[in-house]
C-alpha atoms as a PDB file:
ATOM      1  CA  UNK A   1      -2.769  -3.785 -14.250  1.00  0.00           C
ATOM      2  CA  UNK A   2      -5.024  -6.071 -12.235  1.00  0.00           C
ATOM      3  CA  UNK A   3      -2.507  -8.863 -12.668  1.00  0.00           C
ATOM      4  CA  UNK A   4       0.350  -6.768 -11.237  1.00  0.00           C
ATOM      5  CA  UNK A   5      -1.831  -5.581  -8.359  1.00  0.00           C
ATOM      6  CA  UNK A   6      -2.905  -9.162  -7.584  1.00  0.00           C
ATOM      7  CA  UNK A   7       0.717 -10.313  -7.730  1.00  0.00           C
ATOM      8  CA  UNK A   8       1.725  -7.502  -5.388  1.00  0.00           C
ATOM      9  CA  UNK A   9      -1.024  -8.489  -2.943  1.00  0.00           C
ATOM     10  CA  UNK A  10       0.106 -12.115  -2.965  1.00  0.00           C
ATOM     11  CA  UNK A  11       3.763 -11.145  -2.574  1.00  0.00           C
ATOM     12  CA  UNK A  12       2.995  -8.780   0.330  1.00  0.00           C
ATOM     13  CA  UNK A  13       0.994 -11.577   2.005  1.00  0.00           C
ATOM     14  CA  UNK A  14       3.944 -13.943   1.539  1.00  0.00           C
ATOM     15  CA  UNK A  15       6.245 -11.245   2.939  1.00  0.00           C
ATOM     16  CA  UNK A  16       4.065 -10.881   6.042  1.00  0.00           C
ATOM     17  CA  UNK A  17       4.083 -14.633   6.622  1.00  0.00           C
ATOM     18  CA  UNK A  18       7.806 -15.193   5.939  1.00  0.00           C
ATOM     19  CA  UNK A  19      10.268 -15.937   8.731  1.00  0.00           C
ATOM     20  CA  UNK A  20      13.463 -17.049   7.016  1.00  0.00           C
ATOM     21  CA  UNK A  21      15.792 -14.282   5.828  1.00  0.00           C
ATOM     22  CA  UNK A  22      15.911 -15.604   2.262  1.00  0.00           C
ATOM     23  CA  UNK A  23      12.123 -15.851   2.060  1.00  0.00           C
ATOM     24  CA  UNK A  24      11.739 -12.348   3.492  1.00  0.00           C
ATOM     25  CA  UNK A  25      14.161 -10.949   0.921  1.00  0.00           C
ATOM     26  CA  UNK A  26      12.633 -12.784  -2.039  1.00  0.00           C
ATOM     27  CA  UNK A  27       9.002 -12.065  -1.159  1.00  0.00           C
ATOM     28  CA  UNK A  28       9.849  -8.429  -0.382  1.00  0.00           C
ATOM     29  CA  UNK A  29      11.654  -8.038  -3.686  1.00  0.00           C
ATOM     30  CA  UNK A  30       8.749  -9.590  -5.597  1.00  0.00           C
ATOM     31  CA  UNK A  31       6.237  -7.411  -3.744  1.00  0.00           C
ATOM     32  CA  UNK A  32       8.117  -4.203  -4.494  1.00  0.00           C
ATOM     33  CA  UNK A  33       8.666  -5.044  -8.161  1.00  0.00           C
ATOM     34  CA  UNK A  34       4.989  -5.896  -8.647  1.00  0.00           C
ATOM     35  CA  UNK A  35       3.766  -2.834  -6.734  1.00  0.00           C
ATOM     36  CA  UNK A  36       6.155  -0.393  -8.391  1.00  0.00           C
ATOM     37  CA  UNK A  37       5.022  -1.726 -11.772  1.00  0.00           C
ATOM     38  CA  UNK A  38       1.338  -1.063 -11.072  1.00  0.00           C
ATOM     39  CA  UNK A  39       1.693   2.164  -9.077  1.00  0.00           C
ATOM     40  CA  UNK A  40       2.218   4.591 -12.021  1.00  0.00           C
ATOM     41  CA  UNK A  41      -0.692   3.006 -13.876  1.00  0.00           C
ATOM     42  CA  UNK A  42      -2.971   3.445 -10.860  1.00  0.00           C
ATOM     43  CA  UNK A  43      -1.829   7.064 -10.554  1.00  0.00           C
ATOM     44  CA  UNK A  44      -2.683   7.680 -14.212  1.00  0.00           C
ATOM     45  CA  UNK A  45      -6.137   6.138 -13.782  1.00  0.00           C
ATOM     46  CA  UNK A  46      -6.752   8.313 -10.716  1.00  0.00           C
ATOM     47  CA  UNK A  47      -5.762  11.430 -12.660  1.00  0.00           C
ATOM     48  CA  UNK A  48      -8.060  10.601 -15.583  1.00  0.00           C
ATOM     49  CA  UNK A  49     -10.953   9.704 -13.267  1.00  0.00           C
ATOM     50  CA  UNK A  50     -10.589  12.980 -11.385  1.00  0.00           C
ATOM     51  CA  UNK A  51     -10.580  14.939 -14.654  1.00  0.00           C
ATOM     52  CA  UNK A  52     -13.689  13.128 -15.920  1.00  0.00           C
ATOM     53  CA  UNK A  53     -15.519  13.723 -12.651  1.00  0.00           C
ATOM     54  CA  UNK A  54     -14.529  17.390 -12.652  1.00  0.00           C
ATOM     55  CA  UNK A  55     -12.504  17.030  -9.447  1.00  0.00           C
ATOM     56  CA  UNK A  56      -9.222  18.681  -8.673  1.00  0.00           C
ATOM     57  CA  UNK A  57      -6.535  16.011  -8.720  1.00  0.00           C
ATOM     58  CA  UNK A  58      -4.460  18.033  -6.267  1.00  0.00           C
ATOM     59  CA  UNK A  59      -7.292  18.042  -3.737  1.00  0.00           C
ATOM     60  CA  UNK A  60      -7.754  14.293  -4.102  1.00  0.00           C
ATOM     61  CA  UNK A  61      -4.030  13.743  -3.459  1.00  0.00           C
ATOM     62  CA  UNK A  62      -4.060  16.064  -0.439  1.00  0.00           C
ATOM     63  CA  UNK A  63      -6.937  14.185   1.201  1.00  0.00           C
ATOM     64  CA  UNK A  64      -5.362  10.823   0.435  1.00  0.00           C
ATOM     65  CA  UNK A  65      -2.119  12.028   2.033  1.00  0.00           C
ATOM     66  CA  UNK A  66      -3.985  13.292   5.097  1.00  0.00           C
ATOM     67  CA  UNK A  67      -5.784   9.941   5.423  1.00  0.00           C
ATOM     68  CA  UNK A  68      -2.441   8.133   5.134  1.00  0.00           C
ATOM     69  CA  UNK A  69      -0.889  10.231   7.909  1.00  0.00           C
ATOM     70  CA  UNK A  70      -3.919   9.803  10.181  1.00  0.00           C
ATOM     71  CA  UNK A  71      -3.881   6.041   9.594  1.00  0.00           C
ATOM     72  CA  UNK A  72      -0.218   5.847  10.539  1.00  0.00           C
ATOM     73  CA  UNK A  73      -0.682   7.958  13.675  1.00  0.00           C
ATOM     74  CA  UNK A  74      -3.691   5.906  14.810  1.00  0.00           C
ATOM     75  CA  UNK A  75      -1.786   2.678  14.133  1.00  0.00           C
ATOM     76  CA  UNK A  76       1.111   3.998  16.219  1.00  0.00           C
ATOM     77  CA  UNK A  77      -1.185   4.775  19.139  1.00  0.00           C
ATOM     78  CA  UNK A  78      -2.809   1.328  18.904  1.00  0.00           C
ATOM     79  CA  UNK A  79       0.597  -0.376  18.893  1.00  0.00           C
ATOM     80  CA  UNK A  80       1.795   1.771  21.802  1.00  0.00           C
ATOM     81  CA  UNK A  81      -1.319   0.976  23.830  1.00  0.00           C
ATOM     82  CA  UNK A  82      -1.898  -2.703  23.001  1.00  0.00           C
ATOM     83  CA  UNK A  83       1.403  -3.911  21.581  1.00  0.00           C
ATOM     84  CA  UNK A  84       2.350  -5.044  18.101  1.00  0.00           C
ATOM     85  CA  UNK A  85       0.115  -8.106  18.298  1.00  0.00           C
ATOM     86  CA  UNK A  86      -2.891  -5.735  17.936  1.00  0.00           C
ATOM     87  CA  UNK A  87      -1.988  -5.196  14.259  1.00  0.00           C
ATOM     88  CA  UNK A  88       0.103  -8.275  13.428  1.00  0.00           C
ATOM     89  CA  UNK A  89      -1.363 -11.020  11.243  1.00  0.00           C
END
């Protein structure tokens, strides 16, 4: 699992730094394949960890979803105020 996650990280970094259409396509494809391979495993680990800790998995997912939405909204405001270069690599 760590291998797939590390590969996804590297592929997403390559995607962010790519400029040529072919490189964008290839790095994006590699990133999505690697991430989609590790995502169900990470979800399973989260479920087991929540059960072991006596936490409600549904509550964990709700708060993660709320954090995701807030992060996207804040990022949108930052981009609107300061331009895309505020978040670009």
